[in-house]
């Protein structure tokens, strides 16, 4: 099955992403989720739930992650960090949010400190690390 069209620009804020999601065939809401779960997507109801206790940048990255799941018609991947779908989603989230062409410059400017680089890019350290591990190290 081909994926749903998803047009996310890395400059979009969390508010921009929420407004964009309103134009898609998906419902986005927030609620308290179990510890360690930032967001979930349910294909049956086409619903994304973002943990309301997250900080702004975490919500932004989580919403992009869950929208990628939506675009691929993924069923719930909660707790399945090693599945192909989850690896693909993490790679595409990182590729979408991290402007790779600036990483070398930022690495020099911030002495390679991941937290400072992630803050500058408005992403979580986890998304930045996914970029380095899942995208940057790939040869495709």
N, C-alpha and C. Protein backbone atom coordinates (compact mmCIF):
# COMPACT_ATOMS: atom_id res chain seq x y z
N UNK A 1 0.85 -1.17 0.00
CA UNK A 1 0.00 0.00 0.00
C UNK A 1 0.90 1.24 0.00
N UNK A 2 0.67 2.17 -0.92
CA UNK A 2 1.50 3.39 -0.94
C UNK A 2 1.21 4.24 0.29
N UNK A 3 2.21 5.00 0.70
CA UNK A 3 2.02 5.83 1.89
C UNK A 3 1.15 7.05 1.59
N UNK A 4 0.57 7.60 2.64
CA UNK A 4 -0.20 8.83 2.54
C UNK A 4 0.78 9.99 2.34
N UNK A 5 0.32 11.00 1.63
CA UNK A 5 1.15 12.17 1.37
C UNK A 5 1.36 12.96 2.66
N UNK A 6 2.60 13.25 2.96
CA UNK A 6 2.94 13.99 4.18
C UNK A 6 3.92 15.09 3.79
N UNK A 7 3.55 16.33 4.06
CA UNK A 7 4.39 17.48 3.68
C UNK A 7 4.74 18.29 4.92
N UNK A 8 5.86 17.92 5.51
CA UNK A 8 6.32 18.60 6.72
C UNK A 8 7.62 19.33 6.41
N UNK A 9 7.67 20.57 6.83
CA UNK A 9 8.88 21.38 6.69
C UNK A 9 9.54 21.45 8.06
N UNK A 10 10.85 21.28 8.12
CA UNK A 10 11.57 21.26 9.40
C UNK A 10 11.44 22.56 10.18
N UNK A 11 11.01 23.62 9.53
CA UNK A 11 10.84 24.90 10.24
C UNK A 11 9.48 25.01 10.93
N UNK A 12 8.60 24.03 10.72
CA UNK A 12 7.27 24.09 11.32
C UNK A 12 7.37 23.94 12.84
N UNK A 13 6.61 24.78 13.53
CA UNK A 13 6.52 24.69 14.98
C UNK A 13 5.52 23.60 15.36
N UNK A 14 5.42 23.33 16.64
CA UNK A 14 4.41 22.36 17.10
C UNK A 14 3.01 22.85 16.73
N UNK A 15 2.76 24.14 16.91
CA UNK A 15 1.46 24.71 16.54
C UNK A 15 1.19 24.57 15.05
N UNK A 16 2.21 24.84 14.23
CA UNK A 16 2.07 24.66 12.78
C UNK A 16 1.73 23.21 12.45
N UNK A 17 2.41 22.29 13.12
CA UNK A 17 2.18 20.86 12.87
C UNK A 17 0.77 20.44 13.27
N UNK A 18 0.29 20.97 14.40
CA UNK A 18 -1.09 20.66 14.83
C UNK A 18 -2.10 21.18 13.80
N UNK A 19 -1.89 22.42 13.33
CA UNK A 19 -2.80 22.98 12.32
C UNK A 19 -2.72 22.18 11.02
N UNK A 20 -1.52 21.76 10.64
CA UNK A 20 -1.36 20.94 9.44
C UNK A 20 -2.09 19.61 9.61
N UNK A 21 -1.95 18.99 10.76
CA UNK A 21 -2.61 17.70 11.02
C UNK A 21 -4.13 17.84 10.91
N UNK A 22 -4.66 19.02 11.25
CA UNK A 22 -6.11 19.25 11.12
C UNK A 22 -6.59 19.14 9.68
N UNK A 23 -5.68 19.29 8.72
CA UNK A 23 -6.05 19.18 7.31
C UNK A 23 -5.96 17.75 6.80
N UNK A 24 -5.48 16.84 7.63
CA UNK A 24 -5.28 15.44 7.24
C UNK A 24 -6.39 14.57 7.80
N UNK A 25 -6.43 13.35 7.35
CA UNK A 25 -7.41 12.38 7.84
C UNK A 25 -6.89 11.71 9.11
N UNK A 26 -6.62 12.53 10.13
CA UNK A 26 -6.11 12.03 11.40
C UNK A 26 -6.55 13.01 12.50
N UNK A 27 -6.83 12.45 13.66
CA UNK A 27 -7.18 13.26 14.83
C UNK A 27 -5.98 13.30 15.76
N UNK A 28 -5.61 14.48 16.22
CA UNK A 28 -4.50 14.63 17.17
C UNK A 28 -5.06 15.19 18.46
N UNK A 29 -4.71 14.55 19.56
CA UNK A 29 -5.12 15.03 20.87
C UNK A 29 -3.99 14.78 21.86
N UNK A 30 -4.16 15.30 23.07
CA UNK A 30 -3.16 15.06 24.10
C UNK A 30 -3.83 14.47 25.33
N UNK A 31 -3.05 13.69 26.05
CA UNK A 31 -3.53 13.03 27.26
C UNK A 31 -2.30 12.57 28.03
N UNK A 32 -2.51 12.11 29.22
CA UNK A 32 -1.42 11.49 29.98
C UNK A 32 -1.21 10.09 29.43
N UNK A 33 0.04 9.77 29.13
CA UNK A 33 0.38 8.44 28.64
C UNK A 33 1.29 7.76 29.66
N UNK A 34 1.40 6.44 29.60
CA UNK A 34 2.27 5.73 30.55
C UNK A 34 3.71 6.24 30.47
N UNK A 35 4.42 6.12 31.55
CA UNK A 35 5.83 6.55 31.61
C UNK A 35 6.61 5.94 30.46
N UNK A 36 7.41 6.75 29.81
CA UNK A 36 8.24 6.28 28.71
C UNK A 36 7.55 6.28 27.36
N UNK A 37 6.26 6.61 27.31
CA UNK A 37 5.52 6.65 26.05
C UNK A 37 5.21 8.12 25.75
N UNK A 38 5.83 8.64 24.70
CA UNK A 38 5.62 10.05 24.34
C UNK A 38 4.41 10.25 23.46
N UNK A 39 4.11 9.27 22.63
CA UNK A 39 2.98 9.38 21.73
C UNK A 39 2.60 8.03 21.17
N UNK A 40 1.38 7.94 20.68
CA UNK A 40 0.90 6.70 20.05
C UNK A 40 0.06 7.06 18.84
N UNK A 41 0.04 6.15 17.89
CA UNK A 41 -0.85 6.28 16.74
C UNK A 41 -1.66 5.00 16.62
N UNK A 42 -2.96 5.15 16.42
CA UNK A 42 -3.86 4.01 16.22
C UNK A 42 -4.46 4.12 14.82
N UNK A 43 -4.12 3.19 13.96
CA UNK A 43 -4.59 3.21 12.58
C UNK A 43 -6.09 2.97 12.49
N UNK A 44 -6.65 2.14 13.36
CA UNK A 44 -8.08 1.85 13.29
C UNK A 44 -8.92 3.11 13.47
N UNK A 45 -8.52 3.97 14.40
CA UNK A 45 -9.28 5.19 14.65
C UNK A 45 -8.63 6.42 14.01
N UNK A 46 -7.45 6.22 13.40
CA UNK A 46 -6.67 7.31 12.82
C UNK A 46 -6.49 8.44 13.85
N UNK A 47 -5.99 8.04 15.01
CA UNK A 47 -5.82 8.97 16.12
C UNK A 47 -4.38 8.96 16.63
N UNK A 48 -3.85 10.15 16.83
CA UNK A 48 -2.54 10.34 17.45
C UNK A 48 -2.79 10.95 18.82
N UNK A 49 -2.15 10.36 19.84
CA UNK A 49 -2.21 10.92 21.19
C UNK A 49 -0.78 11.29 21.59
N UNK A 50 -0.61 12.55 22.00
CA UNK A 50 0.69 13.05 22.45
C UNK A 50 0.61 13.24 23.96
N UNK A 51 1.63 12.78 24.69
CA UNK A 51 1.64 12.94 26.14
C UNK A 51 1.68 14.43 26.48
N UNK A 52 0.68 14.87 27.23
CA UNK A 52 0.56 16.30 27.52
C UNK A 52 1.63 16.81 28.48
N UNK A 53 2.35 15.91 29.14
CA UNK A 53 3.39 16.37 30.08
C UNK A 53 4.72 16.66 29.39
N UNK A 54 4.82 16.40 28.10
CA UNK A 54 6.07 16.63 27.38
C UNK A 54 6.35 18.12 27.22
N UNK A 55 7.63 18.43 27.08
CA UNK A 55 8.02 19.79 26.75
C UNK A 55 7.75 20.04 25.27
N UNK A 56 7.75 21.30 24.91
CA UNK A 56 7.40 21.73 23.55
C UNK A 56 8.19 20.99 22.47
N UNK A 57 9.50 20.95 22.58
CA UNK A 57 10.33 20.30 21.57
C UNK A 57 10.03 18.81 21.49
N UNK A 58 9.80 18.18 22.64
CA UNK A 58 9.45 16.76 22.65
C UNK A 58 8.11 16.54 21.94
N UNK A 59 7.14 17.41 22.18
CA UNK A 59 5.84 17.29 21.51
C UNK A 59 6.00 17.43 20.00
N UNK A 60 6.81 18.38 19.58
CA UNK A 60 7.05 18.62 18.16
C UNK A 60 7.64 17.37 17.49
N UNK A 61 8.69 16.84 18.08
CA UNK A 61 9.34 15.66 17.50
C UNK A 61 8.41 14.45 17.55
N UNK A 62 7.67 14.30 18.63
CA UNK A 62 6.75 13.16 18.76
C UNK A 62 5.64 13.26 17.74
N UNK A 63 5.10 14.44 17.51
CA UNK A 63 4.03 14.58 16.53
C UNK A 63 4.53 14.23 15.13
N UNK A 64 5.72 14.68 14.77
CA UNK A 64 6.27 14.31 13.46
C UNK A 64 6.42 12.80 13.38
N UNK A 65 6.95 12.19 14.42
CA UNK A 65 7.13 10.73 14.47
C UNK A 65 5.80 10.01 14.25
N UNK A 66 4.77 10.44 14.97
CA UNK A 66 3.47 9.77 14.85
C UNK A 66 2.81 10.05 13.50
N UNK A 67 3.04 11.23 12.93
CA UNK A 67 2.52 11.50 11.59
C UNK A 67 3.19 10.62 10.54
N UNK A 68 4.46 10.29 10.74
CA UNK A 68 5.11 9.35 9.83
C UNK A 68 4.44 7.98 9.95
N UNK A 69 4.15 7.53 11.18
CA UNK A 69 3.40 6.27 11.33
C UNK A 69 2.08 6.35 10.58
N UNK A 70 1.36 7.46 10.74
CA UNK A 70 0.08 7.65 10.03
C UNK A 70 0.27 7.54 8.52
N UNK A 71 1.32 8.16 8.01
CA UNK A 71 1.53 8.18 6.56
C UNK A 71 1.79 6.80 5.98
N UNK A 72 2.27 5.87 6.81
CA UNK A 72 2.54 4.51 6.35
C UNK A 72 1.47 3.51 6.79
N UNK A 73 0.35 4.00 7.33
CA UNK A 73 -0.73 3.12 7.76
C UNK A 73 -0.27 2.14 8.83
N UNK A 74 0.69 2.52 9.66
CA UNK A 74 1.22 1.63 10.68
C UNK A 74 0.19 1.40 11.78
N UNK A 75 0.13 0.17 12.23
CA UNK A 75 -0.66 -0.08 13.44
C UNK A 75 0.22 0.31 14.62
N UNK A 76 -0.28 0.19 15.80
CA UNK A 76 0.44 0.64 16.98
C UNK A 76 1.82 0.00 17.08
N UNK A 77 2.83 0.83 17.37
CA UNK A 77 4.21 0.35 17.52
C UNK A 77 4.72 0.59 18.93
N UNK A 78 3.84 0.84 19.88
CA UNK A 78 4.26 1.15 21.24
C UNK A 78 5.08 -0.01 21.80
N UNK A 79 6.26 0.32 22.29
CA UNK A 79 7.12 -0.67 22.92
C UNK A 79 7.84 -1.58 21.95
N UNK A 80 7.72 -1.31 20.65
CA UNK A 80 8.35 -2.17 19.65
C UNK A 80 9.46 -1.42 18.93
N UNK A 81 10.41 -0.92 19.70
CA UNK A 81 11.45 -0.06 19.16
C UNK A 81 12.33 -0.75 18.12
N UNK A 82 12.33 -2.06 18.05
CA UNK A 82 13.22 -2.75 17.12
C UNK A 82 12.53 -3.20 15.83
N UNK A 83 11.27 -2.87 15.64
CA UNK A 83 10.59 -3.30 14.43
C UNK A 83 11.07 -2.49 13.23
N UNK A 84 10.89 -3.04 12.04
CA UNK A 84 11.27 -2.33 10.82
C UNK A 84 10.48 -1.03 10.69
N UNK A 85 9.19 -1.07 11.02
CA UNK A 85 8.36 0.13 10.92
C UNK A 85 8.87 1.21 11.87
N UNK A 86 9.26 0.84 13.06
CA UNK A 86 9.75 1.84 14.03
C UNK A 86 11.09 2.40 13.60
N UNK A 87 11.97 1.55 13.09
CA UNK A 87 13.27 2.03 12.60
C UNK A 87 13.08 2.98 11.43
N UNK A 88 12.20 2.61 10.49
CA UNK A 88 11.90 3.49 9.35
C UNK A 88 11.35 4.82 9.84
N UNK A 89 10.44 4.78 10.79
CA UNK A 89 9.81 6.00 11.30
C UNK A 89 10.83 6.89 12.00
N UNK A 90 11.70 6.32 12.78
CA UNK A 90 12.73 7.11 13.46
C UNK A 90 13.68 7.73 12.44
N UNK A 91 14.06 6.99 11.43
CA UNK A 91 14.96 7.50 10.38
C UNK A 91 14.29 8.66 9.63
N UNK A 92 13.03 8.48 9.23
CA UNK A 92 12.34 9.53 8.47
C UNK A 92 12.06 10.76 9.33
N UNK A 93 11.76 10.57 10.61
CA UNK A 93 11.57 11.69 11.51
C UNK A 93 12.87 12.50 11.61
N UNK A 94 13.98 11.81 11.81
CA UNK A 94 15.28 12.48 11.90
C UNK A 94 15.62 13.18 10.59
N UNK A 95 15.39 12.53 9.48
CA UNK A 95 15.69 13.12 8.17
C UNK A 95 14.83 14.37 7.93
N UNK A 96 13.59 14.33 8.41
CA UNK A 96 12.68 15.47 8.23
C UNK A 96 13.08 16.66 9.08
N UNK A 97 13.50 16.42 10.31
CA UNK A 97 13.71 17.50 11.27
C UNK A 97 15.15 18.01 11.38
N UNK A 98 16.12 17.21 10.98
CA UNK A 98 17.52 17.62 11.13
C UNK A 98 18.08 18.06 9.79
N UNK A 99 18.48 19.33 9.69
CA UNK A 99 19.08 19.81 8.44
C UNK A 99 20.54 19.36 8.36
N UNK A 100 20.77 18.23 7.76
CA UNK A 100 22.09 17.62 7.74
C UNK A 100 23.20 18.51 7.24
N UNK A 101 22.88 19.40 6.30
CA UNK A 101 23.94 20.23 5.73
C UNK A 101 24.55 21.20 6.75
N UNK A 102 23.88 21.42 7.88
CA UNK A 102 24.40 22.33 8.90
C UNK A 102 25.08 21.61 10.06
N UNK A 103 25.03 20.29 10.09
CA UNK A 103 25.54 19.57 11.26
C UNK A 103 27.04 19.76 11.48
N UNK A 104 27.83 19.74 10.43
CA UNK A 104 29.28 19.92 10.61
C UNK A 104 29.57 21.29 11.21
N UNK A 105 28.89 22.31 10.70
CA UNK A 105 29.08 23.66 11.22
C UNK A 105 28.65 23.74 12.69
N UNK A 106 27.48 23.18 13.01
CA UNK A 106 27.00 23.22 14.38
C UNK A 106 27.88 22.40 15.31
N UNK A 107 28.38 21.28 14.80
CA UNK A 107 29.27 20.44 15.60
C UNK A 107 30.51 21.21 16.02
N UNK A 108 31.05 22.00 15.09
CA UNK A 108 32.22 22.82 15.41
C UNK A 108 31.86 23.95 16.36
N UNK A 109 30.73 24.59 16.08
CA UNK A 109 30.31 25.73 16.89
C UNK A 109 30.03 25.34 18.34
N UNK A 110 29.47 24.14 18.54
CA UNK A 110 29.09 23.70 19.88
C UNK A 110 29.98 22.58 20.41
N UNK A 111 31.18 22.46 19.86
CA UNK A 111 32.16 21.46 20.31
C UNK A 111 31.59 20.04 20.33
N UNK A 112 30.68 19.75 19.39
CA UNK A 112 30.12 18.41 19.29
C UNK A 112 29.17 18.03 20.40
N UNK A 113 28.73 18.98 21.21
CA UNK A 113 27.84 18.70 22.34
C UNK A 113 26.41 18.47 21.83
N UNK A 114 25.92 17.21 21.90
CA UNK A 114 24.60 16.89 21.35
C UNK A 114 23.46 17.73 21.91
N UNK A 115 23.45 18.01 23.21
CA UNK A 115 22.34 18.77 23.79
C UNK A 115 22.28 20.18 23.23
N UNK A 116 23.43 20.80 23.03
CA UNK A 116 23.46 22.16 22.49
C UNK A 116 23.06 22.18 21.02
N UNK A 117 23.52 21.20 20.27
CA UNK A 117 23.17 21.10 18.85
C UNK A 117 21.67 20.85 18.70
N UNK A 118 21.15 19.91 19.48
CA UNK A 118 19.72 19.60 19.43
C UNK A 118 18.89 20.82 19.79
N UNK A 119 19.29 21.55 20.81
CA UNK A 119 18.58 22.76 21.20
C UNK A 119 18.55 23.77 20.05
N UNK A 120 19.68 23.96 19.40
CA UNK A 120 19.76 24.90 18.27
C UNK A 120 18.82 24.49 17.13
N UNK A 121 18.65 23.18 16.93
CA UNK A 121 17.81 22.66 15.83
C UNK A 121 16.35 22.47 16.24
N UNK A 122 16.02 22.71 17.52
CA UNK A 122 14.67 22.50 18.03
C UNK A 122 14.22 21.04 17.87
N UNK A 123 15.14 20.13 18.18
CA UNK A 123 14.84 18.70 18.20
C UNK A 123 15.34 18.12 19.51
N UNK A 124 14.90 16.92 19.81
CA UNK A 124 15.40 16.24 21.00
C UNK A 124 16.77 15.63 20.70
N UNK A 125 17.51 15.35 21.74
CA UNK A 125 18.81 14.68 21.57
C UNK A 125 18.57 13.32 20.91
N UNK A 126 17.47 12.66 21.26
CA UNK A 126 17.16 11.36 20.65
C UNK A 126 17.00 11.44 19.15
N UNK A 127 16.31 12.46 18.65
CA UNK A 127 16.15 12.63 17.20
C UNK A 127 17.50 12.93 16.56
N UNK A 128 18.31 13.76 17.20
CA UNK A 128 19.64 14.06 16.68
C UNK A 128 20.49 12.79 16.62
N UNK A 129 20.45 12.00 17.68
CA UNK A 129 21.20 10.74 17.69
C UNK A 129 20.68 9.78 16.63
N UNK A 130 19.36 9.75 16.41
CA UNK A 130 18.80 8.92 15.33
C UNK A 130 19.35 9.38 13.99
N UNK A 131 19.47 10.69 13.81
CA UNK A 131 20.02 11.19 12.55
C UNK A 131 21.44 10.67 12.36
N UNK A 132 22.26 10.82 13.38
CA UNK A 132 23.65 10.37 13.28
C UNK A 132 23.72 8.86 13.05
N UNK A 133 22.89 8.08 13.73
CA UNK A 133 22.96 6.63 13.66
C UNK A 133 22.23 6.07 12.44
N UNK A 134 21.02 6.54 12.18
CA UNK A 134 20.16 5.91 11.18
C UNK A 134 20.22 6.58 9.81
N UNK A 135 20.60 7.83 9.76
CA UNK A 135 20.60 8.55 8.48
C UNK A 135 22.02 8.85 8.02
N UNK A 136 22.77 9.55 8.86
CA UNK A 136 24.09 10.01 8.48
C UNK A 136 25.05 8.86 8.16
N UNK A 137 24.93 7.77 8.91
CA UNK A 137 25.84 6.64 8.71
C UNK A 137 25.43 5.76 7.53
N UNK A 138 24.24 5.99 6.97
CA UNK A 138 23.77 5.20 5.82
C UNK A 138 24.46 5.71 4.56
N UNK A 139 24.66 4.81 3.63
CA UNK A 139 25.34 5.20 2.39
C UNK A 139 24.38 5.38 1.21
N UNK A 140 23.05 5.36 1.48
CA UNK A 140 22.11 5.47 0.36
C UNK A 140 21.82 6.86 -0.08
